[in-house]
Amino acid sequence: MKTKRGSILTNIHDIRKDKGFTQEYVASRLGIKQSGYGLIENGERGLQYDLLLQLAIIFEMDIIDIIAYPDTCSLDSRIAVNTTKVLVELEVSNDEFIKLGLKEKVLQILNK
């Protein structure tokens, strides 16, 4: 699995194109200007974890699937995306989410 930063940025670009999204569309969903998003995608501005979480939601993918693109790693992408949405809404990291004991409960709810 490729994990270099440049590969992830290439994957983000390819996913955006494959989904038919413009930079303007993704930027508007992120709440930033197209030029700022372009800098991120081109590697001229840092790719923060929170931004990667937001991109996963916009692309309706799990973060690991963005990293591994075009291969996929998650067994149930819908659950992974919804779990990511919960993490973003609660403003907690995955580690905090697990420590709070919420992960299993949320997965049970999403599986219903």
PDB file of N, CA and C in Angstrom:
ATOM      1  N   MET A   1       0.856  -1.179   0.000  1.00  0.00           N
ATOM      2  CA  MET A   1       0.000   0.000   0.000  1.00  0.00           C
ATOM      3  C   MET A   1       0.896   1.235   0.000  1.00  0.00           C
ATOM      4  N   LYS A   2       0.606   2.159  -0.866  1.00  0.00           N
ATOM      5  CA  LYS A   2       1.396   3.381  -0.921  1.00  0.00           C
ATOM      6  C   LYS A   2       0.904   4.371   0.130  1.00  0.00           C
ATOM      7  N   THR A   3       1.857   4.993   0.827  1.00  0.00           N
ATOM      8  CA  THR A   3       1.448   5.897   1.900  1.00  0.00           C
ATOM      9  C   THR A   3       2.176   7.232   1.853  1.00  0.00           C
ATOM     10  N   LYS A   4       3.000   7.453   0.850  1.00  0.00           N
ATOM     11  CA  LYS A   4       3.705   8.720   0.773  1.00  0.00           C
ATOM     12  C   LYS A   4       2.722   9.849   0.538  1.00  0.00           C
ATOM     13  N   ARG A   5       3.058  11.014   1.083  1.00  0.00           N
ATOM     14  CA  ARG A   5       2.180  12.185   0.988  1.00  0.00           C
ATOM     15  C   ARG A   5       1.811  12.500  -0.456  1.00  0.00           C
ATOM     16  N   GLY A   6       2.782  12.461  -1.360  1.00  0.00           N
ATOM     17  CA  GLY A   6       2.521  12.744  -2.764  1.00  0.00           C
ATOM     18  C   GLY A   6       1.534  11.769  -3.368  1.00  0.00           C
ATOM     19  N   SER A   7       1.626  10.511  -2.980  1.00  0.00           N
ATOM     20  CA  SER A   7       0.689   9.505  -3.473  1.00  0.00           C
ATOM     21  C   SER A   7      -0.722   9.787  -2.980  1.00  0.00           C
ATOM     22  N   ILE A   8      -0.841  10.207  -1.745  1.00  0.00           N
ATOM     23  CA  ILE A   8      -2.160  10.527  -1.194  1.00  0.00           C
ATOM     24  C   ILE A   8      -2.752  11.719  -1.934  1.00  0.00           C
ATOM     25  N   LEU A   9      -1.932  12.726  -2.202  1.00  0.00           N
ATOM     26  CA  LEU A   9      -2.428  13.894  -2.943  1.00  0.00           C
ATOM     27  C   LEU A   9      -2.841  13.502  -4.364  1.00  0.00           C
ATOM     28  N   THR A  10      -2.073  12.622  -4.985  1.00  0.00           N
ATOM     29  CA  THR A  10      -2.446  12.123  -6.315  1.00  0.00           C
ATOM     30  C   THR A  10      -3.772  11.384  -6.229  1.00  0.00           C
ATOM     31  N   ASN A  11      -3.937  10.581  -5.184  1.00  0.00           N
ATOM     32  CA  ASN A  11      -5.187   9.845  -5.005  1.00  0.00           C
ATOM     33  C   ASN A  11      -6.365  10.798  -4.831  1.00  0.00           C
ATOM     34  N   ILE A  12      -6.172  11.850  -4.048  1.00  0.00           N
ATOM     35  CA  ILE A  12      -7.241  12.832  -3.830  1.00  0.00           C
ATOM     36  C   ILE A  12      -7.629  13.473  -5.164  1.00  0.00           C
ATOM     37  N   HIS A  13      -6.641  13.840  -5.947  1.00  0.00           N
ATOM     38  CA  HIS A  13      -6.898  14.419  -7.270  1.00  0.00           C
ATOM     39  C   HIS A  13      -7.667  13.430  -8.145  1.00  0.00           C
ATOM     40  N   ASP A  14      -7.187  12.171  -8.188  1.00  0.00           N
ATOM     41  CA  ASP A  14      -7.819  11.159  -9.040  1.00  0.00           C
ATOM     42  C   ASP A  14      -9.244  10.843  -8.598  1.00  0.00           C
ATOM     43  N   ILE A  15      -9.453  10.753  -7.297  1.00  0.00           N
ATOM     44  CA  ILE A  15     -10.801  10.477  -6.775  1.00  0.00           C
ATOM     45  C   ILE A  15     -11.735  11.619  -7.149  1.00  0.00           C
ATOM     46  N   ARG A  16     -11.272  12.847  -6.936  1.00  0.00           N
ATOM     47  CA  ARG A  16     -12.102  14.016  -7.284  1.00  0.00           C
ATOM     48  C   ARG A  16     -12.499  13.963  -8.747  1.00  0.00           C
ATOM     49  N   LYS A  17     -11.546  13.690  -9.626  1.00  0.00           N
ATOM     50  CA  LYS A  17     -11.816  13.627 -11.064  1.00  0.00           C
ATOM     51  C   LYS A  17     -12.761  12.464 -11.386  1.00  0.00           C
ATOM     52  N   ASP A  18     -12.507  11.290 -10.780  1.00  0.00           N
ATOM     53  CA  ASP A  18     -13.343  10.112 -11.033  1.00  0.00           C
ATOM     54  C   ASP A  18     -14.787  10.327 -10.609  1.00  0.00           C
ATOM     55  N   LYS A  19     -14.978  11.122  -9.567  1.00  0.00           N
ATOM     56  CA  LYS A  19     -16.328  11.405  -9.096  1.00  0.00           C
ATOM     57  C   LYS A  19     -16.972  12.555  -9.867  1.00  0.00           C
ATOM     58  N   GLY A  20     -16.190  13.180 -10.740  1.00  0.00           N
ATOM     59  CA  GLY A  20     -16.726  14.287 -11.535  1.00  0.00           C
ATOM     60  C   GLY A  20     -16.843  15.586 -10.762  1.00  0.00           C
ATOM     61  N   PHE A  21     -16.109  15.697  -9.666  1.00  0.00           N
ATOM     62  CA  PHE A  21     -16.139  16.902  -8.849  1.00  0.00           C
ATOM     63  C   PHE A  21     -15.095  17.897  -9.357  1.00  0.00           C
ATOM     64  N   THR A  22     -15.438  19.156  -9.359  1.00  0.00           N
ATOM     65  CA  THR A  22     -14.479  20.201  -9.678  1.00  0.00           C
ATOM     66  C   THR A  22     -13.769  20.626  -8.402  1.00  0.00           C
ATOM     67  N   GLN A  23     -12.643  21.310  -8.575  1.00  0.00           N
ATOM     68  CA  GLN A  23     -11.973  21.876  -7.408  1.00  0.00           C
ATOM     69  C   GLN A  23     -12.883  22.877  -6.722  1.00  0.00           C
ATOM     70  N   GLU A  24     -13.643  23.618  -7.500  1.00  0.00           N
ATOM     71  CA  GLU A  24     -14.563  24.606  -6.923  1.00  0.00           C
ATOM     72  C   GLU A  24     -15.603  23.937  -6.024  1.00  0.00           C
ATOM     73  N   TYR A  25     -16.135  22.798  -6.484  1.00  0.00           N
ATOM     74  CA  TYR A  25     -17.141  22.090  -5.705  1.00  0.00           C
ATOM     75  C   TYR A  25     -16.563  21.599  -4.380  1.00  0.00           C
ATOM     76  N   VAL A  26     -15.413  20.930  -4.446  1.00  0.00           N
ATOM     77  CA  VAL A  26     -14.803  20.392  -3.229  1.00  0.00           C
ATOM     78  C   VAL A  26     -14.432  21.527  -2.286  1.00  0.00           C
ATOM     79  N   ALA A  27     -13.858  22.593  -2.845  1.00  0.00           N
ATOM     80  CA  ALA A  27     -13.483  23.743  -2.020  1.00  0.00           C
ATOM     81  C   ALA A  27     -14.702  24.331  -1.314  1.00  0.00           C
ATOM     82  N   SER A  28     -15.816  24.448  -2.029  1.00  0.00           N
ATOM     83  CA  SER A  28     -17.023  25.013  -1.402  1.00  0.00           C
ATOM     84  C   SER A  28     -17.528  24.117  -0.284  1.00  0.00           C
ATOM     85  N   ARG A  29     -17.444  22.805  -0.450  1.00  0.00           N
ATOM     86  CA  ARG A  29     -17.855  21.873   0.602  1.00  0.00           C
ATOM     87  C   ARG A  29     -16.929  21.960   1.818  1.00  0.00           C
ATOM     88  N   LEU A  30     -15.658  22.303   1.557  1.00  0.00           N
ATOM     89  CA  LEU A  30     -14.686  22.455   2.653  1.00  0.00           C
ATOM     90  C   LEU A  30     -14.768  23.831   3.300  1.00  0.00           C
ATOM     91  N   GLY A  31     -15.448  24.761   2.631  1.00  0.00           N
ATOM     92  CA  GLY A  31     -15.552  26.118   3.157  1.00  0.00           C
ATOM     93  C   GLY A  31     -14.313  26.957   2.905  1.00  0.00           C
ATOM     94  N   ILE A  32     -13.606  26.637   1.816  1.00  0.00           N
ATOM     95  CA  ILE A  32     -12.412  27.400   1.455  1.00  0.00           C
ATOM     96  C   ILE A  32     -12.523  27.823  -0.009  1.00  0.00           C
ATOM     97  N   LYS A  33     -11.594  28.667  -0.440  1.00  0.00           N
ATOM     98  CA  LYS A  33     -11.578  29.105  -1.831  1.00  0.00           C
ATOM     99  C   LYS A  33     -10.949  28.028  -2.710  1.00  0.00           C
ATOM    100  N   GLN A  34     -11.321  28.046  -3.980  1.00  0.00           N
ATOM    101  CA  GLN A  34     -10.768  27.080  -4.939  1.00  0.00           C
ATOM    102  C   GLN A  34      -9.253  27.166  -4.985  1.00  0.00           C
ATOM    103  N   SER A  35      -8.720  28.366  -4.939  1.00  0.00           N
ATOM    104  CA  SER A  35      -7.263  28.528  -5.012  1.00  0.00           C
ATOM    105  C   SER A  35      -6.578  27.859  -3.823  1.00  0.00           C
ATOM    106  N   GLY A  36      -7.194  27.954  -2.650  1.00  0.00           N
ATOM    107  CA  GLY A  36      -6.651  27.294  -1.462  1.00  0.00           C
ATOM    108  C   GLY A  36      -6.699  25.787  -1.582  1.00  0.00           C
ATOM    109  N   TYR A  37      -7.796  25.284  -2.137  1.00  0.00           N
ATOM    110  CA  TYR A  37      -7.906  23.839  -2.338  1.00  0.00           C
ATOM    111  C   TYR A  37      -6.879  23.369  -3.366  1.00  0.00           C
ATOM    112  N   GLY A  38      -6.690  24.162  -4.414  1.00  0.00           N
ATOM    113  CA  GLY A  38      -5.706  23.826  -5.431  1.00  0.00           C
ATOM    114  C   GLY A  38      -4.307  23.706  -4.843  1.00  0.00           C
ATOM    115  N   LEU A  39      -3.976  24.595  -3.920  1.00  0.00           N
ATOM    116  CA  LEU A  39      -2.672  24.528  -3.245  1.00  0.00           C
ATOM    117  C   LEU A  39      -2.522  23.237  -2.450  1.00  0.00           C
ATOM    118  N   ILE A  40      -3.594  22.810  -1.805  1.00  0.00           N
ATOM    119  CA  ILE A  40      -3.569  21.559  -1.039  1.00  0.00           C
ATOM    120  C   ILE A  40      -3.357  20.381  -1.982  1.00  0.00           C
ATOM    121  N   GLU A  41      -4.165  20.330  -3.027  1.00  0.00           N
ATOM    122  CA  GLU A  41      -4.109  19.213  -3.964  1.00  0.00           C
ATOM    123  C   GLU A  41      -2.746  19.134  -4.668  1.00  0.00           C
ATOM    124  N   ASN A  42      -2.118  20.290  -4.897  1.00  0.00           N
ATOM    125  CA  ASN A  42      -0.814  20.332  -5.556  1.00  0.00           C
ATOM    126  C   ASN A  42       0.352  20.165  -4.596  1.00  0.00           C
ATOM    127  N   GLY A  43       0.067  20.048  -3.299  1.00  0.00           N
ATOM    128  CA  GLY A  43       1.114  19.828  -2.317  1.00  0.00           C
ATOM    129  C   GLY A  43       1.823  21.085  -1.849  1.00  0.00           C
ATOM    130  N   GLU A  44       1.272  22.238  -2.206  1.00  0.00           N
ATOM    131  CA  GLU A  44       1.889  23.497  -1.809  1.00  0.00           C
ATOM    132  C   GLU A  44       1.391  23.988  -0.454  1.00  0.00           C
ATOM    133  N   ARG A  45       0.358  23.368   0.053  1.00  0.00           N
ATOM    134  CA  ARG A  45      -0.170  23.664   1.393  1.00  0.00           C
ATOM    135  C   ARG A  45      -0.361  22.320   2.084  1.00  0.00           C
ATOM    136  N   GLY A  46      -0.123  22.284   3.387  1.00  0.00           N
ATOM    137  CA  GLY A  46      -0.177  21.032   4.131  1.00  0.00           C
ATOM    138  C   GLY A  46      -1.550  20.369   4.119  1.00  0.00           C
ATOM    139  N   LEU A  47      -1.526  19.056   4.117  1.00  0.00           N
ATOM    140  CA  LEU A  47      -2.741  18.256   4.203  1.00  0.00           C
ATOM    141  C   LEU A  47      -2.886  17.798   5.647  1.00  0.00           C
ATOM    142  N   GLN A  48      -3.781  18.438   6.374  1.00  0.00           N
ATOM    143  CA  GLN A  48      -4.000  18.120   7.781  1.00  0.00           C
ATOM    144  C   GLN A  48      -4.984  16.949   7.901  1.00  0.00           C
ATOM    145  N   TYR A  49      -4.891  16.228   9.011  1.00  0.00           N
ATOM    146  CA  TYR A  49      -5.763  15.078   9.249  1.00  0.00           C
ATOM    147  C   TYR A  49      -7.238  15.473   9.212  1.00  0.00           C
ATOM    148  N   ASP A  50      -7.580  16.612   9.812  1.00  0.00           N
ATOM    149  CA  ASP A  50      -8.975  17.059   9.815  1.00  0.00           C
ATOM    150  C   ASP A  50      -9.492  17.272   8.399  1.00  0.00           C
ATOM    151  N   LEU A  51      -8.642  17.806   7.529  1.00  0.00           N
ATOM    152  CA  LEU A  51      -9.022  18.013   6.137  1.00  0.00           C
ATOM    153  C   LEU A  51      -9.228  16.671   5.442  1.00  0.00           C
ATOM    154  N   LEU A  52      -8.374  15.714   5.731  1.00  0.00           N
ATOM    155  CA  LEU A  52      -8.528  14.385   5.154  1.00  0.00           C
ATOM    156  C   LEU A  52      -9.844  13.748   5.601  1.00  0.00           C
ATOM    157  N   LEU A  53     -10.225  13.962   6.852  1.00  0.00           N
ATOM    158  CA  LEU A  53     -11.525  13.476   7.335  1.00  0.00           C
ATOM    159  C   LEU A  53     -12.672  14.118   6.551  1.00  0.00           C
ATOM    160  N   GLN A  54     -12.579  15.418   6.331  1.00  0.00           N
ATOM    161  CA  GLN A  54     -13.622  16.118   5.588  1.00  0.00           C
ATOM    162  C   GLN A  54     -13.684  15.633   4.142  1.00  0.00           C
ATOM    163  N   LEU A  55     -12.536  15.393   3.535  1.00  0.00           N
ATOM    164  CA  LEU A  55     -12.514  14.879   2.163  1.00  0.00           C
ATOM    165  C   LEU A  55     -13.138  13.488   2.098  1.00  0.00           C
ATOM    166  N   ALA A  56     -12.882  12.672   3.109  1.00  0.00           N
ATOM    167  CA  ALA A  56     -13.489  11.337   3.151  1.00  0.00           C
ATOM    168  C   ALA A  56     -15.015  11.444   3.146  1.00  0.00           C
ATOM    169  N   ILE A  57     -15.550  12.403   3.873  1.00  0.00           N
ATOM    170  CA  ILE A  57     -17.003  12.601   3.905  1.00  0.00           C
ATOM    171  C   ILE A  57     -17.498  13.073   2.540  1.00  0.00           C
ATOM    172  N   ILE A  58     -16.819  14.047   1.959  1.00  0.00           N
ATOM    173  CA  ILE A  58     -17.228  14.579   0.659  1.00  0.00           C
ATOM    174  C   ILE A  58     -17.175  13.487  -0.408  1.00  0.00           C
ATOM    175  N   PHE A  59     -16.113  12.688  -0.388  1.00  0.00           N
ATOM    176  CA  PHE A  59     -15.956  11.625  -1.376  1.00  0.00           C
ATOM    177  C   PHE A  59     -16.764  10.378  -1.033  1.00  0.00           C
ATOM    178  N   GLU A  60     -17.377  10.367   0.145  1.00  0.00           N
ATOM    179  CA  GLU A  60     -18.138   9.220   0.639  1.00  0.00           C
ATOM    180  C   GLU A  60     -17.264   7.968   0.650  1.00  0.00           C
ATOM    181  N   MET A  61     -16.089   8.141   1.249  1.00  0.00           N
ATOM    182  CA  MET A  61     -15.110   7.065   1.357  1.00  0.00           C
ATOM    183  C   MET A  61     -14.516   7.085   2.758  1.00  0.00           C
ATOM    184  N   ASP A  62     -13.869   5.986   3.108  1.00  0.00           N
ATOM    185  CA  ASP A  62     -13.107   5.948   4.342  1.00  0.00           C
ATOM    186  C   ASP A  62     -11.710   6.482   4.050  1.00  0.00           C
ATOM    187  N   ILE A  63     -11.060   7.024   5.045  1.00  0.00           N
ATOM    188  CA  ILE A  63      -9.719   7.576   4.868  1.00  0.00           C
ATOM    189  C   ILE A  63      -8.760   6.531   4.304  1.00  0.00           C
ATOM    190  N   ILE A  64      -8.828   5.313   4.815  1.00  0.00           N
ATOM    191  CA  ILE A  64      -7.923   4.270   4.335  1.00  0.00           C
ATOM    192  C   ILE A  64      -8.134   4.006   2.853  1.00  0.00           C
ATOM    193  N   ASP A  65      -9.358   4.159   2.374  1.00  0.00           N
ATOM    194  CA  ASP A  65      -9.628   3.962   0.952  1.00  0.00           C
ATOM    195  C   ASP A  65      -9.049   5.092   0.106  1.00  0.00           C
ATOM    196  N   ILE A  66      -8.985   6.293   0.652  1.00  0.00           N
ATOM    197  CA  ILE A  66      -8.320   7.392  -0.048  1.00  0.00           C
ATOM    198  C   ILE A  66      -6.827   7.109  -0.132  1.00  0.00           C
ATOM    199  N   ILE A  67      -6.247   6.647   0.953  1.00  0.00           N
ATOM    200  CA  ILE A  67      -4.816   6.352   0.990  1.00  0.00           C
ATOM    201  C   ILE A  67      -4.466   5.208   0.036  1.00  0.00           C
ATOM    202  N   ALA A  68      -5.296   4.181  -0.008  1.00  0.00           N
ATOM    203  CA  ALA A  68      -5.006   2.985  -0.804  1.00  0.00           C
ATOM    204  C   ALA A  68      -5.524   3.066  -2.237  1.00  0.00           C
ATOM    205  N   TYR A  69      -6.219   4.128  -2.594  1.00  0.00           N
ATOM    206  CA  TYR A  69      -6.861   4.254  -3.897  1.00  0.00           C
ATOM    207  C   TYR A  69      -5.897   3.902  -5.023  1.00  0.00           C
ATOM    208  N   PRO A  70      -6.305   3.169  -6.040  1.00  0.00           N
ATOM    209  CA  PRO A  70      -7.665   2.773  -6.389  1.00  0.00           C
ATOM    210  C   PRO A  70      -8.140   1.494  -5.714  1.00  0.00           C
ATOM    211  N   ASP A  71      -7.261   0.837  -4.951  1.00  0.00           N
ATOM    212  CA  ASP A  71      -7.697  -0.329  -4.182  1.00  0.00           C
ATOM    213  C   ASP A  71      -8.562   0.144  -3.027  1.00  0.00           C
ATOM    214  N   THR A  72      -9.394  -0.722  -2.503  1.00  0.00           N
ATOM    215  CA  THR A  72     -10.182  -0.371  -1.327  1.00  0.00           C
ATOM    216  C   THR A  72      -9.850  -1.348  -0.213  1.00  0.00           C
ATOM    217  N   CYS A  73      -9.954  -0.862   1.011  1.00  0.00           N
ATOM    218  CA  CYS A  73      -9.607  -1.685   2.171  1.00  0.00           C
ATOM    219  C   CYS A  73     -10.807  -1.983   3.054  1.00  0.00           C
ATOM    220  N   SER A  74     -11.771  -1.085   3.106  1.00  0.00           N
ATOM    221  CA  SER A  74     -12.879  -1.272   4.045  1.00  0.00           C
ATOM    222  C   SER A  74     -13.906  -2.238   3.478  1.00  0.00           C
ATOM    223  N   LEU A  75     -14.459  -3.024   4.372  1.00  0.00           N
ATOM    224  CA  LEU A  75     -15.462  -4.002   3.959  1.00  0.00           C
ATOM    225  C   LEU A  75     -16.824  -3.361   3.757  1.00  0.00           C
ATOM    226  N   ASP A  76     -17.151  -2.393   4.562  1.00  0.00           N
ATOM    227  CA  ASP A  76     -18.446  -1.730   4.433  1.00  0.00           C
ATOM    228  C   ASP A  76     -18.215  -0.228   4.415  1.00  0.00           C
ATOM    229  N   SER A  77     -18.097   0.312   3.230  1.00  0.00           N
ATOM    230  CA  SER A  77     -17.764   1.723   3.074  1.00  0.00           C
ATOM    231  C   SER A  77     -18.809   2.636   3.704  1.00  0.00           C
ATOM    232  N   ARG A  78     -20.084   2.263   3.642  1.00  0.00           N
ATOM    233  CA  ARG A  78     -21.147   3.095   4.221  1.00  0.00           C
ATOM    234  C   ARG A  78     -20.945   3.263   5.717  1.00  0.00           C
ATOM    235  N   ILE A  79     -20.624   2.194   6.409  1.00  0.00           N
ATOM    236  CA  ILE A  79     -20.389   2.270   7.852  1.00  0.00           C
ATOM    237  C   ILE A  79     -19.141   3.097   8.135  1.00  0.00           C
ATOM    238  N   ALA A  80     -18.100   2.915   7.345  1.00  0.00           N
ATOM    239  CA  ALA A  80     -16.860   3.662   7.550  1.00  0.00           C
ATOM    240  C   ALA A  80     -17.088   5.156   7.372  1.00  0.00           C
ATOM    241  N   VAL A  81     -17.827   5.530   6.340  1.00  0.00           N
ATOM    242  CA  VAL A  81     -18.094   6.953   6.096  1.00  0.00           C
ATOM    243  C   VAL A  81     -18.935   7.522   7.220  1.00  0.00           C
ATOM    244  N   ASN A  82     -19.942   6.792   7.655  1.00  0.00           N
ATOM    245  CA  ASN A  82     -20.793   7.290   8.736  1.00  0.00           C
ATOM    246  C   ASN A  82     -20.022   7.389  10.046  1.00  0.00           C
ATOM    247  N   THR A  83     -19.118   6.455  10.298  1.00  0.00           N
ATOM    248  CA  THR A  83     -18.280   6.538  11.490  1.00  0.00           C
ATOM    249  C   THR A  83     -17.402   7.777  11.420  1.00  0.00           C
ATOM    250  N   THR A  84     -16.836   8.046  10.239  1.00  0.00           N
ATOM    251  CA  THR A  84     -16.023   9.243  10.051  1.00  0.00           C
ATOM    252  C   THR A  84     -16.842  10.492  10.310  1.00  0.00           C
ATOM    253  N   LYS A  85     -18.089  10.510   9.828  1.00  0.00           N
ATOM    254  CA  LYS A  85     -18.964  11.656  10.059  1.00  0.00           C
ATOM    255  C   LYS A  85     -19.195  11.866  11.552  1.00  0.00           C
ATOM    256  N   VAL A  86     -19.388  10.780  12.290  1.00  0.00           N
ATOM    257  CA  VAL A  86     -19.597  10.872  13.734  1.00  0.00           C
ATOM    258  C   VAL A  86     -18.367  11.470  14.400  1.00  0.00           C
ATOM    259  N   LEU A  87     -17.175  11.015  14.002  1.00  0.00           N
ATOM    260  CA  LEU A  87     -15.936  11.542  14.575  1.00  0.00           C
ATOM    261  C   LEU A  87     -15.815  13.040  14.334  1.00  0.00           C
ATOM    262  N   VAL A  88     -16.141  13.470  13.116  1.00  0.00           N
ATOM    263  CA  VAL A  88     -16.041  14.891  12.788  1.00  0.00           C
ATOM    264  C   VAL A  88     -17.066  15.686  13.578  1.00  0.00           C
ATOM    265  N   GLU A  89     -18.297  15.199  13.638  1.00  0.00           N
ATOM    266  CA  GLU A  89     -19.350  15.915  14.361  1.00  0.00           C
ATOM    267  C   GLU A  89     -19.044  16.016  15.853  1.00  0.00           C
ATOM    268  N   LEU A  90     -18.491  14.953  16.423  1.00  0.00           N
ATOM    269  CA  LEU A  90     -18.162  14.967  17.849  1.00  0.00           C
ATOM    270  C   LEU A  90     -16.844  15.687  18.128  1.00  0.00           C
ATOM    271  N   GLU A  91     -16.102  15.986  17.061  1.00  0.00           N
ATOM    272  CA  GLU A  91     -14.806  16.645  17.183  1.00  0.00           C
ATOM    273  C   GLU A  91     -13.871  15.865  18.106  1.00  0.00           C
ATOM    274  N   VAL A  92     -13.800  14.545  17.885  1.00  0.00           N
ATOM    275  CA  VAL A  92     -12.879  13.703  18.635  1.00  0.00           C
ATOM    276  C   VAL A  92     -12.035  12.898  17.654  1.00  0.00           C
ATOM    277  N   SER A  93     -10.863  12.503  18.104  1.00  0.00           N
ATOM    278  CA  SER A  93     -10.008  11.651  17.280  1.00  0.00           C
ATOM    279  C   SER A  93     -10.517  10.220  17.370  1.00  0.00           C
ATOM    280  N   ASN A  94     -10.048   9.385  16.454  1.00  0.00           N
ATOM    281  CA  ASN A  94     -10.431   7.983  16.476  1.00  0.00           C
ATOM    282  C   ASN A  94     -10.021   7.334  17.793  1.00  0.00           C
ATOM    283  N   ASP A  95      -8.838   7.690  18.316  1.00  0.00           N
ATOM    284  CA  ASP A  95      -8.381   7.125  19.583  1.00  0.00           C
ATOM    285  C   ASP A  95      -9.300   7.519  20.736  1.00  0.00           C
ATOM    286  N   GLU A  96      -9.690   8.797  20.783  1.00  0.00           N
ATOM    287  CA  GLU A  96     -10.610   9.250  21.836  1.00  0.00           C
ATOM    288  C   GLU A  96     -11.946   8.534  21.710  1.00  0.00           C
ATOM    289  N   PHE A  97     -12.406   8.367  20.490  1.00  0.00           N
ATOM    290  CA  PHE A  97     -13.673   7.692  20.203  1.00  0.00           C
ATOM    291  C   PHE A  97     -13.666   6.276  20.779  1.00  0.00           C
ATOM    292  N   ILE A  98     -12.559   5.561  20.554  1.00  0.00           N
ATOM    293  CA  ILE A  98     -12.436   4.197  21.065  1.00  0.00           C
ATOM    294  C   ILE A  98     -12.339   4.202  22.584  1.00  0.00           C
ATOM    295  N   LYS A  99     -11.524   5.121  23.149  1.00  0.00           N
ATOM    296  CA  LYS A  99     -11.358   5.200  24.597  1.00  0.00           C
ATOM    297  C   LYS A  99     -12.673   5.498  25.309  1.00  0.00           C
ATOM    298  N   LEU A 100     -13.523   6.305  24.683  1.00  0.00           N
ATOM    299  CA  LEU A 100     -14.813   6.636  25.286  1.00  0.00           C
ATOM    300  C   LEU A 100     -15.791   5.464  25.226  1.00  0.00           C
ATOM    301  N   GLY A 101     -15.423   4.418  24.501  1.00  0.00           N
ATOM    302  CA  GLY A 101     -16.291   3.253  24.395  1.00  0.00           C
ATOM    303  C   GLY A 101     -17.470   3.454  23.464  1.00  0.00           C
ATOM    304  N   LEU A 102     -17.368   4.422  22.583  1.00  0.00           N
ATOM    305  CA  LEU A 102     -18.486   4.735  21.694  1.00  0.00           C
ATOM    306  C   LEU A 102     -18.439   3.978  20.377  1.00  0.00           C
ATOM    307  N   LYS A 103     -17.272   3.501  19.987  1.00  0.00           N
ATOM    308  CA  LYS A 103     -17.131   2.900  18.666  1.00  0.00           C
ATOM    309  C   LYS A 103     -18.087   1.722  18.469  1.00  0.00           C
ATOM    310  N   GLU A 104     -18.079   0.786  19.388  1.00  0.00           N
ATOM    311  CA  GLU A 104     -18.933  -0.400  19.234  1.00  0.00           C
ATOM    312  C   GLU A 104     -20.414  -0.029  19.233  1.00  0.00           C
ATOM    313  N   LYS A 105     -20.796   0.912  20.085  1.00  0.00           N
ATOM    314  CA  LYS A 105     -22.190   1.334  20.152  1.00  0.00           C
ATOM    315  C   LYS A 105     -22.637   1.975  18.833  1.00  0.00           C
ATOM    316  N   VAL A 106     -21.808   2.845  18.284  1.00  0.00           N
ATOM    317  CA  VAL A 106     -22.134   3.510  17.018  1.00  0.00           C
ATOM    318  C   VAL A 106     -22.202   2.489  15.890  1.00  0.00           C
ATOM    319  N   LEU A 107     -21.260   1.540  15.861  1.00  0.00           N
ATOM    320  CA  LEU A 107     -21.276   0.508  14.825  1.00  0.00           C
ATOM    321  C   LEU A 107     -22.543  -0.335  14.905  1.00  0.00           C
ATOM    322  N   GLN A 108     -22.999  -0.636  16.129  1.00  0.00           N
ATOM    323  CA  GLN A 108     -24.235  -1.385  16.295  1.00  0.00           C
ATOM    324  C   GLN A 108     -25.414  -0.601  15.727  1.00  0.00           C
ATOM    325  N   ILE A 109     -25.464   0.687  16.009  1.00  0.00           N
ATOM    326  CA  ILE A 109     -26.554   1.531  15.516  1.00  0.00           C
ATOM    327  C   ILE A 109     -26.511   1.609  13.996  1.00  0.00           C
ATOM    328  N   LEU A 110     -25.324   1.799  13.416  1.00  0.00           N
ATOM    329  CA  LEU A 110     -25.201   1.913  11.969  1.00  0.00           C
ATOM    330  C   LEU A 110     -25.514   0.608  11.255  1.00  0.00           C
ATOM    331  N   ASN A 111     -25.317  -0.511  11.921  1.00  0.00           N
ATOM    332  CA  ASN A 111     -25.596  -1.819  11.302  1.00  0.00           C
ATOM    333  C   ASN A 111     -27.068  -2.176  11.297  1.00  0.00           C
ATOM    334  N   LYS A 112     -27.894  -1.430  12.017  1.00  0.00           N
ATOM    335  CA  LYS A 112     -29.339  -1.745  12.085  1.00  0.00           C
ATOM    336  C   LYS A 112     -30.009  -1.449  10.783  1.00  0.00           C
TER     337      LYS A 112
END
